[in-house]
Amino acid sequence: MGNKYKDRTAEVIEEVAAKTGISFPSLPQRYLEIAMLATRPEDKWKINEASTRRFTFTVNGCTFRQALVEKFGPEVPCREACLALLNTIYRELRMEVTVSFEELAETGCRFTCTFVRMGA
């Protein structure tokens, strides 16, 4: 849907990518923001690093995790949903990116996405 209904931000990101050949992390970050805002608008998340090699962000106050903990207890594998989202975004954009996860002592989760190369 992101390609069908583009806003000005998407147009600028694509223009810059076309001129520079650099679309990481801007393009996938846009899709991540759309997914986060659409499904978890109350979550608090911040970008820790955004460079052409690495994109790191932290999620605190995750409503998804809170709901699962309330229902199933503290040992919920909710990170798998976030990891699947990130890996799907990168796969669809044909970017080879390694994604790692770190739980932050009950305060949140940190995801680090390291760009390897554009895929075929």
C-alpha atoms as a PDB file:
ATOM      1  CA  MET A   1       0.000   0.000   0.000  1.00  0.00           C
ATOM      2  CA  GLY A   2       2.953   2.295   0.628  1.00  0.00           C
ATOM      3  CA  ASN A   3       3.716   2.402  -3.080  1.00  0.00           C
ATOM      4  CA  LYS A   4       0.094   3.033  -4.044  1.00  0.00           C
ATOM      5  CA  TYR A   5      -0.597   5.864  -1.575  1.00  0.00           C
ATOM      6  CA  LYS A   6       2.558   7.949  -1.282  1.00  0.00           C
ATOM      7  CA  ASP A   7       2.819  11.059   0.833  1.00  0.00           C
ATOM      8  CA  ARG A   8       5.390  13.805   0.342  1.00  0.00           C
ATOM      9  CA  THR A   9       7.801  12.121   2.766  1.00  0.00           C
ATOM     10  CA  ALA A  10       7.794   8.945   0.678  1.00  0.00           C
ATOM     11  CA  GLU A  11       8.347  10.927  -2.496  1.00  0.00           C
ATOM     12  CA  VAL A  12      11.354  12.750  -1.014  1.00  0.00           C
ATOM     13  CA  ILE A  13      12.859   9.526   0.376  1.00  0.00           C
ATOM     14  CA  GLU A  14      12.572   7.905  -3.055  1.00  0.00           C
ATOM     15  CA  GLU A  15      14.010  10.974  -4.818  1.00  0.00           C
ATOM     16  CA  VAL A  16      17.025  11.000  -2.502  1.00  0.00           C
ATOM     17  CA  ALA A  17      17.499   7.240  -2.896  1.00  0.00           C
ATOM     18  CA  ALA A  18      17.373   7.562  -6.696  1.00  0.00           C
ATOM     19  CA  LYS A  19      19.949  10.386  -6.688  1.00  0.00           C
ATOM     20  CA  THR A  20      22.326   8.926  -4.104  1.00  0.00           C
ATOM     21  CA  GLY A  21      21.750   5.183  -4.385  1.00  0.00           C
ATOM     22  CA  ILE A  22      21.190   5.128  -0.606  1.00  0.00           C
ATOM     23  CA  SER A  23      17.828   3.910   0.664  1.00  0.00           C
ATOM     24  CA  PHE A  24      18.899   2.440   4.021  1.00  0.00           C
ATOM     25  CA  PRO A  25      17.720   3.291   6.643  1.00  0.00           C
ATOM     26  CA  SER A  26      15.209   5.890   5.388  1.00  0.00           C
ATOM     27  CA  LEU A  27      12.959   3.731   3.245  1.00  0.00           C
ATOM     28  CA  PRO A  28      12.570   0.777   5.645  1.00  0.00           C
ATOM     29  CA  GLN A  29      12.273   3.196   8.563  1.00  0.00           C
ATOM     30  CA  ARG A  30       9.241   4.754   6.890  1.00  0.00           C
ATOM     31  CA  TYR A  31       7.527   1.370   6.635  1.00  0.00           C
ATOM     32  CA  LEU A  32       8.436   0.556  10.225  1.00  0.00           C
ATOM     33  CA  GLU A  33       6.950   3.849  11.429  1.00  0.00           C
ATOM     34  CA  ILE A  34       3.733   3.197   9.513  1.00  0.00           C
ATOM     35  CA  ALA A  35       3.469  -0.303  11.011  1.00  0.00           C
ATOM     36  CA  MET A  36       4.190   0.919  14.534  1.00  0.00           C
ATOM     37  CA  LEU A  37       1.785   3.847  14.374  1.00  0.00           C
ATOM     38  CA  ALA A  38      -0.956   1.769  12.771  1.00  0.00           C
ATOM     39  CA  THR A  39      -0.820  -1.123  15.206  1.00  0.00           C
ATOM     40  CA  ARG A  40       0.614   0.354  18.410  1.00  0.00           C
ATOM     41  CA  PRO A  41       0.053   4.123  18.478  1.00  0.00           C
ATOM     42  CA  GLU A  42       0.569   4.375  22.248  1.00  0.00           C
ATOM     43  CA  ASP A  43       4.017   2.773  22.271  1.00  0.00           C
ATOM     44  CA  LYS A  44       7.017   4.911  23.033  1.00  0.00           C
ATOM     45  CA  TRP A  45       9.957   4.318  20.768  1.00  0.00           C
ATOM     46  CA  LYS A  46      13.054   6.257  19.886  1.00  0.00           C
ATOM     47  CA  ILE A  47      15.728   6.038  17.282  1.00  0.00           C
ATOM     48  CA  ASN A  48      19.155   5.514  18.824  1.00  0.00           C
ATOM     49  CA  GLU A  49      21.166   5.442  15.596  1.00  0.00           C
ATOM     50  CA  ALA A  50      20.333   5.965  11.950  1.00  0.00           C
ATOM     51  CA  SER A  51      23.226   5.765   9.511  1.00  0.00           C
ATOM     52  CA  THR A  52      23.834   4.177   6.135  1.00  0.00           C
ATOM     53  CA  ARG A  53      25.226   1.122   7.946  1.00  0.00           C
ATOM     54  CA  ARG A  54      23.072   0.720  11.053  1.00  0.00           C
ATOM     55  CA  PHE A  55      19.582   1.533  12.299  1.00  0.00           C
ATOM     56  CA  THR A  56      18.969   1.039  16.021  1.00  0.00           C
ATOM     57  CA  PHE A  57      15.769   1.811  17.858  1.00  0.00           C
ATOM     58  CA  THR A  58      14.331   1.176  21.305  1.00  0.00           C
ATOM     59  CA  VAL A  59      10.706   0.427  22.180  1.00  0.00           C
ATOM     60  CA  ASN A  60       9.518   1.238  25.710  1.00  0.00           C
ATOM     61  CA  GLY A  61       6.007   0.927  27.073  1.00  0.00           C
ATOM     62  CA  CYS A  62       5.091  -1.628  24.431  1.00  0.00           C
ATOM     63  CA  THR A  63       1.329  -2.148  24.608  1.00  0.00           C
ATOM     64  CA  PHE A  64       1.614  -5.415  22.684  1.00  0.00           C
ATOM     65  CA  ARG A  65       4.055  -6.866  25.212  1.00  0.00           C
ATOM     66  CA  GLN A  66       2.027  -5.554  28.155  1.00  0.00           C
ATOM     67  CA  ALA A  67      -1.120  -7.241  26.855  1.00  0.00           C
ATOM     68  CA  LEU A  68       0.691 -10.561  26.385  1.00  0.00           C
ATOM     69  CA  VAL A  69       2.313 -10.398  29.829  1.00  0.00           C
ATOM     70  CA  GLU A  70      -1.062  -9.746  31.434  1.00  0.00           C
ATOM     71  CA  LYS A  71      -2.555 -12.757  29.650  1.00  0.00           C
ATOM     72  CA  PHE A  72       0.345 -15.250  29.682  1.00  0.00           C
ATOM     73  CA  GLY A  73       2.956 -14.047  32.183  1.00  0.00           C
ATOM     74  CA  PRO A  74       6.431 -12.525  31.751  1.00  0.00           C
ATOM     75  CA  GLU A  75       7.936 -15.226  29.509  1.00  0.00           C
ATOM     76  CA  VAL A  76       6.239 -14.207  26.259  1.00  0.00           C
ATOM     77  CA  PRO A  77       8.046 -14.411  22.932  1.00  0.00           C
ATOM     78  CA  CYS A  78       6.579 -11.148  21.618  1.00  0.00           C
ATOM     79  CA  ARG A  79       9.964 -10.125  20.185  1.00  0.00           C
ATOM     80  CA  GLU A  80       9.322 -12.658  17.425  1.00  0.00           C
ATOM     81  CA  ALA A  81       6.500 -10.481  16.089  1.00  0.00           C
ATOM     82  CA  CYS A  82       8.775  -7.431  15.907  1.00  0.00           C
ATOM     83  CA  LEU A  83      11.611  -9.451  14.380  1.00  0.00           C
ATOM     84  CA  ALA A  84       9.231 -10.904  11.783  1.00  0.00           C
ATOM     85  CA  LEU A  85       7.999  -7.401  10.911  1.00  0.00           C
ATOM     86  CA  LEU A  86      11.536  -6.084  10.447  1.00  0.00           C
ATOM     87  CA  ASN A  87      12.710  -9.094   8.454  1.00  0.00           C
ATOM     88  CA  THR A  88       9.648  -8.886   6.218  1.00  0.00           C
ATOM     89  CA  ILE A  89      10.240  -5.189   5.506  1.00  0.00           C
ATOM     90  CA  TYR A  90      13.866  -5.837   4.545  1.00  0.00           C
ATOM     91  CA  ARG A  91      13.017  -8.902   2.466  1.00  0.00           C
ATOM     92  CA  GLU A  92      10.301  -7.044   0.534  1.00  0.00           C
ATOM     93  CA  LEU A  93      12.685  -4.136  -0.100  1.00  0.00           C
ATOM     94  CA  ARG A  94      15.345  -6.639  -1.262  1.00  0.00           C
ATOM     95  CA  MET A  95      17.823  -5.483   1.372  1.00  0.00           C
ATOM     96  CA  GLU A  96      20.187  -7.864   3.082  1.00  0.00           C
ATOM     97  CA  VAL A  97      20.116  -6.710   6.701  1.00  0.00           C
ATOM     98  CA  THR A  98      20.975  -8.535   9.905  1.00  0.00           C
ATOM     99  CA  VAL A  99      18.548  -7.832  12.723  1.00  0.00           C
ATOM    100  CA  SER A 100      19.392  -8.364  16.374  1.00  0.00           C
ATOM    101  CA  PHE A 101      17.345  -7.991  19.529  1.00  0.00           C
ATOM    102  CA  GLU A 102      18.239  -7.039  23.082  1.00  0.00           C
ATOM    103  CA  GLU A 103      15.823  -7.012  26.008  1.00  0.00           C
ATOM    104  CA  LEU A 104      16.470  -4.072  28.304  1.00  0.00           C
ATOM    105  CA  ALA A 105      15.844  -5.270  31.887  1.00  0.00           C
ATOM    106  CA  GLU A 106      12.047  -5.037  31.756  1.00  0.00           C
ATOM    107  CA  THR A 107      12.167  -1.494  30.417  1.00  0.00           C
ATOM    108  CA  GLY A 108      11.919  -2.287  26.751  1.00  0.00           C
ATOM    109  CA  CYS A 109      13.522  -3.794  23.696  1.00  0.00           C
ATOM    110  CA  ARG A 110      16.319  -2.604  21.441  1.00  0.00           C
ATOM    111  CA  PHE A 111      16.559  -3.660  17.821  1.00  0.00           C
ATOM    112  CA  THR A 112      19.706  -3.205  15.771  1.00  0.00           C
ATOM    113  CA  CYS A 113      19.494  -3.518  12.007  1.00  0.00           C
ATOM    114  CA  THR A 114      22.839  -3.704  10.228  1.00  0.00           C
ATOM    115  CA  PHE A 115      22.906  -3.154   6.481  1.00  0.00           C
ATOM    116  CA  VAL A 116      24.864  -5.746   4.505  1.00  0.00           C
ATOM    117  CA  ARG A 117      23.915  -4.994   0.889  1.00  0.00           C
ATOM    118  CA  MET A 118      21.110  -4.590  -1.586  1.00  0.00           C
ATOM    119  CA  GLY A 119      19.791  -7.945  -2.709  1.00  0.00           C
ATOM    120  CA  ALA A 120      18.984  -9.136  -6.181  1.00  0.00           C
END
